[in-house]
Amino acid sequence: MSEKIHKNFFISVVRGGKVVANYYSNSLACVPYLQDKYKGSTIEYFDIKKYGHSFGDAPVIRIEGGRISSIKCRETGEIWESAKECCKALGMPLKTLYTAIRRGSRIFGKHFEYYKLHKKDGDK
């Protein structure tokens, strides 16, 4: 019997070429937690909503051992190099920002999101 999964992303944690954990999630807000929990591992994910459950056809995005660093305000397009820098500039606790990103809720009437999930070829 097959269960229907109502999530947006399928996320795998890979260490030494082997998958050590799999997760389904509604957002990529859990990636910093997974990177902290599985230090030195590569996080791979793909969009279930866009490609369905045909894992072979979906392009896999890899987040190599680094961290998600940049934060972007959706309404203004302003980008901060780190969550800490964003919170300092706006005068709010770090936990408030992480919670708002995870829930998709607003802070000061604005939505925030992780901006740079992985480095592209040629990025420093």
PDB file of N, CA and C in Angstrom:
ATOM      1  N   MET A   1       0.835  -1.185   0.000  1.00  0.00           N
ATOM      2  CA  MET A   1       0.000   0.000   0.000  1.00  0.00           C
ATOM      3  C   MET A   1       0.883   1.253   0.000  1.00  0.00           C
ATOM      4  N   SER A   2       0.648   2.121  -0.925  1.00  0.00           N
ATOM      5  CA  SER A   2       1.466   3.316  -1.082  1.00  0.00           C
ATOM      6  C   SER A   2       0.806   4.506  -0.390  1.00  0.00           C
ATOM      7  N   GLU A   3       1.589   5.211   0.429  1.00  0.00           N
ATOM      8  CA  GLU A   3       1.073   6.404   1.103  1.00  0.00           C
ATOM      9  C   GLU A   3       1.343   7.612   0.228  1.00  0.00           C
ATOM     10  N   LYS A   4       0.393   8.534   0.194  1.00  0.00           N
ATOM     11  CA  LYS A   4       0.601   9.781  -0.537  1.00  0.00           C
ATOM     12  C   LYS A   4       1.266  10.767   0.423  1.00  0.00           C
ATOM     13  N   ILE A   5       2.383  11.321   0.020  1.00  0.00           N
ATOM     14  CA  ILE A   5       3.131  12.239   0.870  1.00  0.00           C
ATOM     15  C   ILE A   5       2.880  13.657   0.379  1.00  0.00           C
ATOM     16  N   HIS A   6       2.432  14.512   1.288  1.00  0.00           N
ATOM     17  CA  HIS A   6       2.088  15.896   0.942  1.00  0.00           C
ATOM     18  C   HIS A   6       3.205  16.833   1.390  1.00  0.00           C
ATOM     19  N   LYS A   7       4.355  16.685   0.815  1.00  0.00           N
ATOM     20  CA  LYS A   7       5.493  17.539   1.133  1.00  0.00           C
ATOM     21  C   LYS A   7       6.049  18.102  -0.167  1.00  0.00           C
ATOM     22  N   ASN A   8       6.851  19.149  -0.055  1.00  0.00           N
ATOM     23  CA  ASN A   8       7.396  19.808  -1.234  1.00  0.00           C
ATOM     24  C   ASN A   8       8.774  19.308  -1.648  1.00  0.00           C
ATOM     25  N   PHE A   9       9.595  18.874  -0.680  1.00  0.00           N
ATOM     26  CA  PHE A   9      10.969  18.509  -0.979  1.00  0.00           C
ATOM     27  C   PHE A   9      11.337  17.147  -0.407  1.00  0.00           C
ATOM     28  N   PHE A  10      12.144  16.413  -1.160  1.00  0.00           N
ATOM     29  CA  PHE A  10      12.751  15.180  -0.682  1.00  0.00           C
ATOM     30  C   PHE A  10      14.220  15.513  -0.448  1.00  0.00           C
ATOM     31  N   ILE A  11      14.694  15.287   0.771  1.00  0.00           N
ATOM     32  CA  ILE A  11      16.046  15.687   1.152  1.00  0.00           C
ATOM     33  C   ILE A  11      16.821  14.456   1.601  1.00  0.00           C
ATOM     34  N   SER A  12      18.033  14.291   1.083  1.00  0.00           N
ATOM     35  CA  SER A  12      18.910  13.192   1.486  1.00  0.00           C
ATOM     36  C   SER A  12      20.191  13.753   2.081  1.00  0.00           C
ATOM     37  N   VAL A  13      20.700  13.072   3.098  1.00  0.00           N
ATOM     38  CA  VAL A  13      21.991  13.419   3.682  1.00  0.00           C
ATOM     39  C   VAL A  13      22.969  12.336   3.230  1.00  0.00           C
ATOM     40  N   VAL A  14      24.056  12.758   2.561  1.00  0.00           N
ATOM     41  CA  VAL A  14      25.017  11.815   1.995  1.00  0.00           C
ATOM     42  C   VAL A  14      26.376  12.023   2.656  1.00  0.00           C
ATOM     43  N   ARG A  15      26.965  10.924   3.122  1.00  0.00           N
ATOM     44  CA  ARG A  15      28.296  10.973   3.721  1.00  0.00           C
ATOM     45  C   ARG A  15      29.109   9.815   3.150  1.00  0.00           C
ATOM     46  N   GLY A  16      30.255  10.120   2.588  1.00  0.00           N
ATOM     47  CA  GLY A  16      31.116   9.082   2.033  1.00  0.00           C
ATOM     48  C   GLY A  16      30.461   8.309   0.902  1.00  0.00           C
ATOM     49  N   GLY A  17      29.616   8.960   0.124  1.00  0.00           N
ATOM     50  CA  GLY A  17      28.953   8.317  -1.000  1.00  0.00           C
ATOM     51  C   GLY A  17      27.747   7.469  -0.623  1.00  0.00           C
ATOM     52  N   LYS A  18      27.394   7.416   0.665  1.00  0.00           N
ATOM     53  CA  LYS A  18      26.241   6.632   1.111  1.00  0.00           C
ATOM     54  C   LYS A  18      25.193   7.539   1.737  1.00  0.00           C
ATOM     55  N   VAL A  19      23.945   7.246   1.463  1.00  0.00           N
ATOM     56  CA  VAL A  19      22.844   8.010   2.054  1.00  0.00           C
ATOM     57  C   VAL A  19      22.704   7.580   3.515  1.00  0.00           C
ATOM     58  N   VAL A  20      22.812   8.546   4.428  1.00  0.00           N
ATOM     59  CA  VAL A  20      22.692   8.231   5.855  1.00  0.00           C
ATOM     60  C   VAL A  20      21.325   8.608   6.420  1.00  0.00           C
ATOM     61  N   ALA A  21      20.578   9.471   5.719  1.00  0.00           N
ATOM     62  CA  ALA A  21      19.242   9.848   6.184  1.00  0.00           C
ATOM     63  C   ALA A  21      18.441  10.447   5.036  1.00  0.00           C
ATOM     64  N   ASN A  22      17.129  10.262   5.081  1.00  0.00           N
ATOM     65  CA  ASN A  22      16.201  10.849   4.110  1.00  0.00           C
ATOM     66  C   ASN A  22      15.105  11.586   4.854  1.00  0.00           C
ATOM     67  N   TYR A  23      14.662  12.698   4.310  1.00  0.00           N
ATOM     68  CA  TYR A  23      13.601  13.492   4.925  1.00  0.00           C
ATOM     69  C   TYR A  23      12.659  14.014   3.851  1.00  0.00           C
ATOM     70  N   TYR A  24      11.409  14.179   4.222  1.00  0.00           N
ATOM     71  CA  TYR A  24      10.441  14.919   3.420  1.00  0.00           C
ATOM     72  C   TYR A  24      10.165  16.203   4.178  1.00  0.00           C
ATOM     73  N   SER A  25      10.067  17.325   3.479  1.00  0.00           N
ATOM     74  CA  SER A  25       9.853  18.601   4.155  1.00  0.00           C
ATOM     75  C   SER A  25       9.041  19.544   3.268  1.00  0.00           C
ATOM     76  N   ASN A  26       8.325  20.465   3.904  1.00  0.00           N
ATOM     77  CA  ASN A  26       7.570  21.478   3.170  1.00  0.00           C
ATOM     78  C   ASN A  26       8.444  22.626   2.694  1.00  0.00           C
ATOM     79  N   SER A  27       9.598  22.804   3.339  1.00  0.00           N
ATOM     80  CA  SER A  27      10.489  23.893   2.945  1.00  0.00           C
ATOM     81  C   SER A  27      11.928  23.456   3.158  1.00  0.00           C
ATOM     82  N   LEU A  28      12.844  24.292   2.716  1.00  0.00           N
ATOM     83  CA  LEU A  28      14.262  24.006   2.913  1.00  0.00           C
ATOM     84  C   LEU A  28      14.793  24.652   4.181  1.00  0.00           C
ATOM     85  N   ALA A  29      13.891  25.140   5.023  1.00  0.00           N
ATOM     86  CA  ALA A  29      14.302  25.774   6.273  1.00  0.00           C
ATOM     87  C   ALA A  29      14.992  24.793   7.209  1.00  0.00           C
ATOM     88  N   CYS A  30      14.804  23.488   7.006  1.00  0.00           N
ATOM     89  CA  CYS A  30      15.431  22.489   7.864  1.00  0.00           C
ATOM     90  C   CYS A  30      16.892  22.234   7.476  1.00  0.00           C
ATOM     91  N   VAL A  31      17.351  22.747   6.342  1.00  0.00           N
ATOM     92  CA  VAL A  31      18.705  22.463   5.869  1.00  0.00           C
ATOM     93  C   VAL A  31      19.785  22.913   6.857  1.00  0.00           C
ATOM     94  N   PRO A  32      19.710  24.124   7.447  1.00  0.00           N
ATOM     95  CA  PRO A  32      20.747  24.494   8.426  1.00  0.00           C
ATOM     96  C   PRO A  32      20.801  23.517   9.609  1.00  0.00           C
ATOM     97  N   TYR A  33      19.638  23.049  10.051  1.00  0.00           N
ATOM     98  CA  TYR A  33      19.591  22.063  11.135  1.00  0.00           C
ATOM     99  C   TYR A  33      20.283  20.771  10.705  1.00  0.00           C
ATOM    100  N   LEU A  34      19.988  20.293   9.501  1.00  0.00           N
ATOM    101  CA  LEU A  34      20.597  19.054   9.006  1.00  0.00           C
ATOM    102  C   LEU A  34      22.105  19.217   8.826  1.00  0.00           C
ATOM    103  N   GLN A  35      22.533  20.381   8.354  1.00  0.00           N
ATOM    104  CA  GLN A  35      23.966  20.628   8.192  1.00  0.00           C
ATOM    105  C   GLN A  35      24.679  20.620   9.533  1.00  0.00           C
ATOM    106  N   ASP A  36      23.996  21.133  10.555  1.00  0.00           N
ATOM    107  CA  ASP A  36      24.581  21.136  11.889  1.00  0.00           C
ATOM    108  C   ASP A  36      24.598  19.721  12.469  1.00  0.00           C
ATOM    109  N   LYS A  37      23.519  18.992  12.265  1.00  0.00           N
ATOM    110  CA  LYS A  37      23.400  17.633  12.804  1.00  0.00           C
ATOM    111  C   LYS A  37      24.359  16.665  12.115  1.00  0.00           C
ATOM    112  N   TYR A  38      24.495  16.790  10.798  1.00  0.00           N
ATOM    113  CA  TYR A  38      25.343  15.893  10.011  1.00  0.00           C
ATOM    114  C   TYR A  38      26.529  16.674   9.446  1.00  0.00           C
ATOM    115  N   LYS A  39      27.375  17.184  10.336  1.00  0.00           N
ATOM    116  CA  LYS A  39      28.514  18.006   9.924  1.00  0.00           C
ATOM    117  C   LYS A  39      29.407  17.257   8.925  1.00  0.00           C
ATOM    118  N   GLY A  40      29.819  17.956   7.873  1.00  0.00           N
ATOM    119  CA  GLY A  40      30.699  17.373   6.878  1.00  0.00           C
ATOM    120  C   GLY A  40      29.985  16.560   5.810  1.00  0.00           C
ATOM    121  N   SER A  41      28.680  16.450   5.911  1.00  0.00           N
ATOM    122  CA  SER A  41      27.909  15.690   4.924  1.00  0.00           C
ATOM    123  C   SER A  41      27.427  16.605   3.806  1.00  0.00           C
ATOM    124  N   THR A  42      27.010  16.000   2.719  1.00  0.00           N
ATOM    125  CA  THR A  42      26.421  16.724   1.608  1.00  0.00           C
ATOM    126  C   THR A  42      24.907  16.566   1.693  1.00  0.00           C
ATOM    127  N   ILE A  43      24.194  17.658   1.530  1.00  0.00           N
ATOM    128  CA  ILE A  43      22.735  17.625   1.537  1.00  0.00           C
ATOM    129  C   ILE A  43      22.277  17.677   0.085  1.00  0.00           C
ATOM    130  N   GLU A  44      21.406  16.747  -0.312  1.00  0.00           N
ATOM    131  CA  GLU A  44      20.850  16.734  -1.659  1.00  0.00           C
ATOM    132  C   GLU A  44      19.339  16.833  -1.557  1.00  0.00           C
ATOM    133  N   TYR A  45      18.717  17.584  -2.451  1.00  0.00           N
ATOM    134  CA  TYR A  45      17.261  17.694  -2.416  1.00  0.00           C
ATOM    135  C   TYR A  45      16.700  17.871  -3.817  1.00  0.00           C
ATOM    136  N   PHE A  46      15.429  17.579  -3.959  1.00  0.00           N
ATOM    137  CA  PHE A  46      14.731  17.942  -5.189  1.00  0.00           C
ATOM    138  C   PHE A  46      13.282  18.269  -4.878  1.00  0.00           C
ATOM    139  N   ASP A  47      12.675  18.983  -5.796  1.00  0.00           N
ATOM    140  CA  ASP A  47      11.329  19.529  -5.631  1.00  0.00           C
ATOM    141  C   ASP A  47      10.282  18.498  -6.052  1.00  0.00           C
ATOM    142  N   ILE A  48       9.560  17.948  -5.082  1.00  0.00           N
ATOM    143  CA  ILE A  48       8.536  16.935  -5.353  1.00  0.00           C
ATOM    144  C   ILE A  48       7.339  17.559  -6.074  1.00  0.00           C
ATOM    145  N   LYS A  49       6.938  18.767  -5.657  1.00  0.00           N
ATOM    146  CA  LYS A  49       5.772  19.424  -6.265  1.00  0.00           C
ATOM    147  C   LYS A  49       5.972  19.607  -7.773  1.00  0.00           C
ATOM    148  N   LYS A  50       7.201  19.926  -8.156  1.00  0.00           N
ATOM    149  CA  LYS A  50       7.485  20.202  -9.559  1.00  0.00           C
ATOM    150  C   LYS A  50       7.680  18.925 -10.375  1.00  0.00           C
ATOM    151  N   TYR A  51       8.345  17.923  -9.793  1.00  0.00           N
ATOM    152  CA  TYR A  51       8.716  16.732 -10.560  1.00  0.00           C
ATOM    153  C   TYR A  51       8.000  15.460 -10.132  1.00  0.00           C
ATOM    154  N   GLY A  52       7.147  15.537  -9.118  1.00  0.00           N
ATOM    155  CA  GLY A  52       6.459  14.341  -8.645  1.00  0.00           C
ATOM    156  C   GLY A  52       7.433  13.392  -7.971  1.00  0.00           C
ATOM    157  N   HIS A  53       7.069  12.141  -7.891  1.00  0.00           N
ATOM    158  CA  HIS A  53       7.908  11.167  -7.197  1.00  0.00           C
ATOM    159  C   HIS A  53       8.803  10.373  -8.130  1.00  0.00           C
ATOM    160  N   SER A  54       8.985  10.856  -9.360  1.00  0.00           N
ATOM    161  CA  SER A  54       9.871  10.171 -10.289  1.00  0.00           C
ATOM    162  C   SER A  54      11.302  10.645  -9.997  1.00  0.00           C
ATOM    163  N   PHE A  55      11.899  10.017  -8.987  1.00  0.00           N
ATOM    164  CA  PHE A  55      13.212  10.432  -8.509  1.00  0.00           C
ATOM    165  C   PHE A  55      14.269  10.448  -9.612  1.00  0.00           C
ATOM    166  N   GLY A  56      14.174   9.551 -10.579  1.00  0.00           N
ATOM    167  CA  GLY A  56      15.173   9.469 -11.634  1.00  0.00           C
ATOM    168  C   GLY A  56      15.170  10.661 -12.567  1.00  0.00           C
ATOM    169  N   ASP A  57      14.023  11.318 -12.744  1.00  0.00           N
ATOM    170  CA  ASP A  57      13.907  12.431 -13.681  1.00  0.00           C
ATOM    171  C   ASP A  57      14.206  13.795 -13.057  1.00  0.00           C
ATOM    172  N   ALA A  58      14.179  13.871 -11.744  1.00  0.00           N
ATOM    173  CA  ALA A  58      14.318  15.161 -11.074  1.00  0.00           C
ATOM    174  C   ALA A  58      15.776  15.586 -10.974  1.00  0.00           C
ATOM    175  N   PRO A  59      16.062  16.871 -11.251  1.00  0.00           N
ATOM    176  CA  PRO A  59      17.423  17.355 -11.053  1.00  0.00           C
ATOM    177  C   PRO A  59      17.711  17.469  -9.557  1.00  0.00           C
ATOM    178  N   VAL A  60      18.800  16.903  -9.131  1.00  0.00           N
ATOM    179  CA  VAL A  60      19.165  16.922  -7.707  1.00  0.00           C
ATOM    180  C   VAL A  60      20.068  18.117  -7.456  1.00  0.00           C
ATOM    181  N   ILE A  61      19.751  18.885  -6.432  1.00  0.00           N
ATOM    182  CA  ILE A  61      20.553  20.041  -6.043  1.00  0.00           C
ATOM    183  C   ILE A  61      21.407  19.604  -4.855  1.00  0.00           C
ATOM    184  N   ARG A  62      22.709  19.855  -4.930  1.00  0.00           N
ATOM    185  CA  ARG A  62      23.626  19.468  -3.861  1.00  0.00           C
ATOM    186  C   ARG A  62      24.090  20.691  -3.090  1.00  0.00           C
ATOM    187  N   ILE A  63      24.081  20.574  -1.780  1.00  0.00           N
ATOM    188  CA  ILE A  63      24.606  21.619  -0.914  1.00  0.00           C
ATOM    189  C   ILE A  63      25.836  21.015  -0.262  1.00  0.00           C
ATOM    190  N   GLU A  64      27.002  21.343  -0.777  1.00  0.00           N
ATOM    191  CA  GLU A  64      28.239  20.738  -0.308  1.00  0.00           C
ATOM    192  C   GLU A  64      28.650  21.328   1.029  1.00  0.00           C
ATOM    193  N   GLY A  65      28.728  20.521   2.042  1.00  0.00           N
ATOM    194  CA  GLY A  65      29.255  20.833   3.359  1.00  0.00           C
ATOM    195  C   GLY A  65      29.188  22.263   3.859  1.00  0.00           C
ATOM    196  N   GLY A  66      29.005  23.270   3.003  1.00  0.00           N
ATOM    197  CA  GLY A  66      28.946  24.653   3.451  1.00  0.00           C
ATOM    198  C   GLY A  66      27.621  24.992   4.099  1.00  0.00           C
ATOM    199  N   ARG A  67      27.464  26.232   4.455  1.00  0.00           N
ATOM    200  CA  ARG A  67      26.236  26.649   5.110  1.00  0.00           C
ATOM    201  C   ARG A  67      25.421  27.532   4.179  1.00  0.00           C
ATOM    202  N   ILE A  68      24.131  27.581   4.464  1.00  0.00           N
ATOM    203  CA  ILE A  68      23.294  28.574   3.803  1.00  0.00           C
ATOM    204  C   ILE A  68      23.672  29.893   4.461  1.00  0.00           C
ATOM    205  N   SER A  69      24.068  30.850   3.655  1.00  0.00           N
ATOM    206  CA  SER A  69      24.584  32.052   4.293  1.00  0.00           C
ATOM    207  C   SER A  69      23.693  33.270   4.128  1.00  0.00           C
ATOM    208  N   SER A  70      23.188  33.506   2.961  1.00  0.00           N
ATOM    209  CA  SER A  70      22.500  34.766   2.701  1.00  0.00           C
ATOM    210  C   SER A  70      21.006  34.699   3.022  1.00  0.00           C
ATOM    211  N   ILE A  71      20.475  35.853   3.432  1.00  0.00           N
ATOM    212  CA  ILE A  71      19.055  36.017   3.721  1.00  0.00           C
ATOM    213  C   ILE A  71      18.537  37.107   2.796  1.00  0.00           C
ATOM    214  N   LYS A  72      17.353  36.885   2.220  1.00  0.00           N
ATOM    215  CA  LYS A  72      16.775  37.863   1.301  1.00  0.00           C
ATOM    216  C   LYS A  72      15.364  38.230   1.755  1.00  0.00           C
ATOM    217  N   CYS A  73      15.048  39.520   1.677  1.00  0.00           N
ATOM    218  CA  CYS A  73      13.685  39.991   1.914  1.00  0.00           C
ATOM    219  C   CYS A  73      12.953  39.913   0.582  1.00  0.00           C
ATOM    220  N   ARG A  74      11.846  39.181   0.541  1.00  0.00           N
ATOM    221  CA  ARG A  74      11.105  39.001  -0.709  1.00  0.00           C
ATOM    222  C   ARG A  74      10.507  40.299  -1.228  1.00  0.00           C
ATOM    223  N   GLU A  75      10.020  41.131  -0.331  1.00  0.00           N
ATOM    224  CA  GLU A  75       9.341  42.364  -0.750  1.00  0.00           C
ATOM    225  C   GLU A  75      10.307  43.429  -1.263  1.00  0.00           C
ATOM    226  N   THR A  76      11.429  43.625  -0.578  1.00  0.00           N
ATOM    227  CA  THR A  76      12.359  44.692  -0.962  1.00  0.00           C
ATOM    228  C   THR A  76      13.519  44.202  -1.817  1.00  0.00           C
ATOM    229  N   GLY A  77      13.802  42.899  -1.774  1.00  0.00           N
ATOM    230  CA  GLY A  77      14.932  42.350  -2.516  1.00  0.00           C
ATOM    231  C   GLY A  77      16.264  42.556  -1.820  1.00  0.00           C
ATOM    232  N   GLU A  78      16.235  43.158  -0.619  1.00  0.00           N
ATOM    233  CA  GLU A  78      17.470  43.395   0.127  1.00  0.00           C
ATOM    234  C   GLU A  78      18.081  42.066   0.565  1.00  0.00           C
ATOM    235  N   ILE A  79      19.417  41.970   0.490  1.00  0.00           N
ATOM    236  CA  ILE A  79      20.120  40.732   0.824  1.00  0.00           C
ATOM    237  C   ILE A  79      21.157  41.018   1.911  1.00  0.00           C
ATOM    238  N   TRP A  80      21.189  40.150   2.915  1.00  0.00           N
ATOM    239  CA  TRP A  80      22.181  40.218   3.970  1.00  0.00           C
ATOM    240  C   TRP A  80      23.079  39.001   3.851  1.00  0.00           C
ATOM    241  N   GLU A  81      24.353  39.152   4.139  1.00  0.00           N
ATOM    242  CA  GLU A  81      25.323  38.061   4.013  1.00  0.00           C
ATOM    243  C   GLU A  81      25.091  36.933   5.018  1.00  0.00           C
ATOM    244  N   SER A  82      24.451  37.234   6.144  1.00  0.00           N
ATOM    245  CA  SER A  82      24.189  36.202   7.147  1.00  0.00           C
ATOM    246  C   SER A  82      22.896  36.517   7.894  1.00  0.00           C
ATOM    247  N   ALA A  83      22.361  35.506   8.554  1.00  0.00           N
ATOM    248  CA  ALA A  83      21.155  35.698   9.355  1.00  0.00           C
ATOM    249  C   ALA A  83      21.447  36.639  10.523  1.00  0.00           C
ATOM    250  N   LYS A  84      22.629  36.512  11.085  1.00  0.00           N
ATOM    251  CA  LYS A  84      23.017  37.367  12.213  1.00  0.00           C
ATOM    252  C   LYS A  84      23.061  38.836  11.793  1.00  0.00           C
ATOM    253  N   GLU A  85      23.630  39.098  10.616  1.00  0.00           N
ATOM    254  CA  GLU A  85      23.701  40.465  10.090  1.00  0.00           C
ATOM    255  C   GLU A  85      22.300  41.030   9.841  1.00  0.00           C
ATOM    256  N   CYS A  86      21.414  40.207   9.302  1.00  0.00           N
ATOM    257  CA  CYS A  86      20.032  40.616   9.040  1.00  0.00           C
ATOM    258  C   CYS A  86      19.333  41.001  10.346  1.00  0.00           C
ATOM    259  N   CYS A  87      19.478  40.150  11.340  1.00  0.00           N
ATOM    260  CA  CYS A  87      18.820  40.403  12.631  1.00  0.00           C
ATOM    261  C   CYS A  87      19.357  41.653  13.311  1.00  0.00           C
ATOM    262  N   LYS A  88      20.653  41.850  13.198  1.00  0.00           N
ATOM    263  CA  LYS A  88      21.260  43.043  13.791  1.00  0.00           C
ATOM    264  C   LYS A  88      20.738  44.305  13.115  1.00  0.00           C
ATOM    265  N   ALA A  89      20.642  44.274  11.780  1.00  0.00           N
ATOM    266  CA  ALA A  89      20.174  45.433  11.019  1.00  0.00           C
ATOM    267  C   ALA A  89      18.712  45.770  11.317  1.00  0.00           C
ATOM    268  N   LEU A  90      17.904  44.730  11.534  1.00  0.00           N
ATOM    269  CA  LEU A  90      16.477  44.947  11.759  1.00  0.00           C
ATOM    270  C   LEU A  90      16.086  44.965  13.228  1.00  0.00           C
ATOM    271  N   GLY A  91      17.031  44.660  14.106  1.00  0.00           N
ATOM    272  CA  GLY A  91      16.773  44.707  15.542  1.00  0.00           C
ATOM    273  C   GLY A  91      15.805  43.637  16.018  1.00  0.00           C
ATOM    274  N   MET A  92      16.074  42.393  15.641  1.00  0.00           N
ATOM    275  CA  MET A  92      15.216  41.286  16.070  1.00  0.00           C
ATOM    276  C   MET A  92      16.077  40.095  16.473  1.00  0.00           C
ATOM    277  N   PRO A  93      15.521  39.202  17.294  1.00  0.00           N
ATOM    278  CA  PRO A  93      16.266  38.002  17.694  1.00  0.00           C
ATOM    279  C   PRO A  93      16.434  37.035  16.520  1.00  0.00           C
ATOM    280  N   LEU A  94      17.533  36.304  16.520  1.00  0.00           N
ATOM    281  CA  LEU A  94      17.831  35.320  15.485  1.00  0.00           C
ATOM    282  C   LEU A  94      16.740  34.251  15.408  1.00  0.00           C
ATOM    283  N   LYS A  95      16.260  33.817  16.544  1.00  0.00           N
ATOM    284  CA  LYS A  95      15.223  32.777  16.592  1.00  0.00           C
ATOM    285  C   LYS A  95      13.953  33.241  15.868  1.00  0.00           C
ATOM    286  N   THR A  96      13.628  34.516  15.970  1.00  0.00           N
ATOM    287  CA  THR A  96      12.448  35.073  15.300  1.00  0.00           C
ATOM    288  C   THR A  96      12.580  34.938  13.783  1.00  0.00           C
ATOM    289  N   LEU A  97      13.763  35.241  13.269  1.00  0.00           N
ATOM    290  CA  LEU A  97      13.999  35.136  11.826  1.00  0.00           C
ATOM    291  C   LEU A  97      13.889  33.689  11.365  1.00  0.00           C
ATOM    292  N   TYR A  98      14.556  32.768  12.049  1.00  0.00           N
ATOM    293  CA  TYR A  98      14.508  31.356  11.658  1.00  0.00           C
ATOM    294  C   TYR A  98      13.081  30.812  11.695  1.00  0.00           C
ATOM    295  N   THR A  99      12.332  31.186  12.712  1.00  0.00           N
ATOM    296  CA  THR A  99      10.939  30.726  12.835  1.00  0.00           C
ATOM    297  C   THR A  99      10.091  31.281  11.694  1.00  0.00           C
ATOM    298  N   ALA A 100      10.259  32.550  11.366  1.00  0.00           N
ATOM    299  CA  ALA A 100       9.481  33.166  10.282  1.00  0.00           C
ATOM    300  C   ALA A 100       9.803  32.521   8.933  1.00  0.00           C
ATOM    301  N   ILE A 101      11.068  32.219   8.685  1.00  0.00           N
ATOM    302  CA  ILE A 101      11.437  31.566   7.425  1.00  0.00           C
ATOM    303  C   ILE A 101      10.822  30.176   7.367  1.00  0.00           C
ATOM    304  N   ARG A 102      10.914  29.435   8.453  1.00  0.00           N
ATOM    305  CA  ARG A 102      10.385  28.074   8.485  1.00  0.00           C
ATOM    306  C   ARG A 102       8.870  28.053   8.285  1.00  0.00           C
ATOM    307  N   ARG A 103       8.170  28.991   8.901  1.00  0.00           N
ATOM    308  CA  ARG A 103       6.702  29.028   8.820  1.00  0.00           C
ATOM    309  C   ARG A 103       6.175  29.822   7.628  1.00  0.00           C
ATOM    310  N   GLY A 104       7.034  30.616   7.018  1.00  0.00           N
ATOM    311  CA  GLY A 104       6.582  31.465   5.919  1.00  0.00           C
ATOM    312  C   GLY A 104       5.802  32.673   6.404  1.00  0.00           C
ATOM    313  N   SER A 105       6.000  33.031   7.671  1.00  0.00           N
ATOM    314  CA  SER A 105       5.266  34.167   8.239  1.00  0.00           C
ATOM    315  C   SER A 105       6.055  35.465   8.057  1.00  0.00           C
ATOM    316  N   ARG A 106       5.408  36.574   8.377  1.00  0.00           N
ATOM    317  CA  ARG A 106       6.005  37.892   8.189  1.00  0.00           C
ATOM    318  C   ARG A 106       6.647  38.410   9.466  1.00  0.00           C
ATOM    319  N   ILE A 107       7.676  39.230   9.265  1.00  0.00           N
ATOM    320  CA  ILE A 107       8.292  39.994  10.352  1.00  0.00           C
ATOM    321  C   ILE A 107       8.289  41.434   9.868  1.00  0.00           C
ATOM    322  N   PHE A 108       7.755  42.324  10.655  1.00  0.00           N
ATOM    323  CA  PHE A 108       7.648  43.732  10.261  1.00  0.00           C
ATOM    324  C   PHE A 108       6.960  43.874   8.903  1.00  0.00           C
ATOM    325  N   GLY A 109       6.002  42.988   8.609  1.00  0.00           N
ATOM    326  CA  GLY A 109       5.243  43.037   7.375  1.00  0.00           C
ATOM    327  C   GLY A 109       5.985  42.523   6.144  1.00  0.00           C
ATOM    328  N   LYS A 110       7.119  41.844   6.351  1.00  0.00           N
ATOM    329  CA  LYS A 110       7.921  41.352   5.234  1.00  0.00           C
ATOM    330  C   LYS A 110       8.217  39.868   5.390  1.00  0.00           C
ATOM    331  N   HIS A 111       8.374  39.186   4.249  1.00  0.00           N
ATOM    332  CA  HIS A 111       8.764  37.779   4.232  1.00  0.00           C
ATOM    333  C   HIS A 111      10.264  37.676   3.989  1.00  0.00           C
ATOM    334  N   PHE A 112      10.890  36.707   4.622  1.00  0.00           N
ATOM    335  CA  PHE A 112      12.321  36.479   4.428  1.00  0.00           C
ATOM    336  C   PHE A 112      12.540  35.052   3.967  1.00  0.00           C
ATOM    337  N   GLU A 113      13.641  34.825   3.245  1.00  0.00           N
ATOM    338  CA  GLU A 113      13.951  33.484   2.745  1.00  0.00           C
ATOM    339  C   GLU A 113      15.460  33.314   2.672  1.00  0.00           C
ATOM    340  N   TYR A 114      15.895  32.033   2.634  1.00  0.00           N
ATOM    341  CA  TYR A 114      17.304  31.756   2.396  1.00  0.00           C
ATOM    342  C   TYR A 114      17.572  32.076   0.944  1.00  0.00           C
ATOM    343  N   TYR A 115      18.649  32.767   0.682  1.00  0.00           N
ATOM    344  CA  TYR A 115      18.889  33.246  -0.672  1.00  0.00           C
ATOM    345  C   TYR A 115      19.872  32.384  -1.448  1.00  0.00           C
ATOM    346  N   LYS A 116      20.966  32.017  -0.847  1.00  0.00           N
ATOM    347  CA  LYS A 116      22.004  31.279  -1.565  1.00  0.00           C
ATOM    348  C   LYS A 116      22.139  29.890  -0.958  1.00  0.00           C
ATOM    349  N   LEU A 117      21.538  28.900  -1.600  1.00  0.00           N
ATOM    350  CA  LEU A 117      21.547  27.555  -1.052  1.00  0.00           C
ATOM    351  C   LEU A 117      22.798  26.778  -1.411  1.00  0.00           C
ATOM    352  N   HIS A 118      23.358  27.049  -2.550  1.00  0.00           N
ATOM    353  CA  HIS A 118      24.558  26.312  -2.968  1.00  0.00           C
ATOM    354  C   HIS A 118      25.365  27.181  -3.914  1.00  0.00           C
ATOM    355  N   LYS A 119      26.621  26.889  -3.996  1.00  0.00           N
ATOM    356  CA  LYS A 119      27.488  27.642  -4.904  1.00  0.00           C
ATOM    357  C   LYS A 119      27.391  27.050  -6.296  1.00  0.00           C
ATOM    358  N   LYS A 120      27.330  27.914  -7.276  1.00  0.00           N
ATOM    359  CA  LYS A 120      27.320  27.482  -8.668  1.00  0.00           C
ATOM    360  C   LYS A 120      28.774  27.438  -9.150  1.00  0.00           C
ATOM    361  N   ASP A 121      29.005  26.757 -10.250  1.00  0.00           N
ATOM    362  CA  ASP A 121      30.350  26.709 -10.816  1.00  0.00           C
ATOM    363  C   ASP A 121      30.843  28.118 -11.067  1.00  0.00           C
ATOM    364  N   GLY A 122      32.051  28.398 -10.642  1.00  0.00           N
ATOM    365  CA  GLY A 122      32.626  29.724 -10.846  1.00  0.00           C
ATOM    366  C   GLY A 122      32.467  30.648  -9.653  1.00  0.00           C
ATOM    367  N   ASP A 123      31.567  30.318  -8.683  1.00  0.00           N
ATOM    368  CA  ASP A 123      31.418  31.134  -7.480  1.00  0.00           C
ATOM    369  C   ASP A 123      32.607  30.913  -6.568  1.00  0.00           C
ATOM    370  N   LYS A 124      32.966  31.925  -5.815  1.00  0.00           N
ATOM    371  CA  LYS A 124      34.068  31.790  -4.854  1.00  0.00           C
ATOM    372  C   LYS A 124      33.538  31.342  -3.524  1.00  0.00           C
TER     373      LYS A 124
END
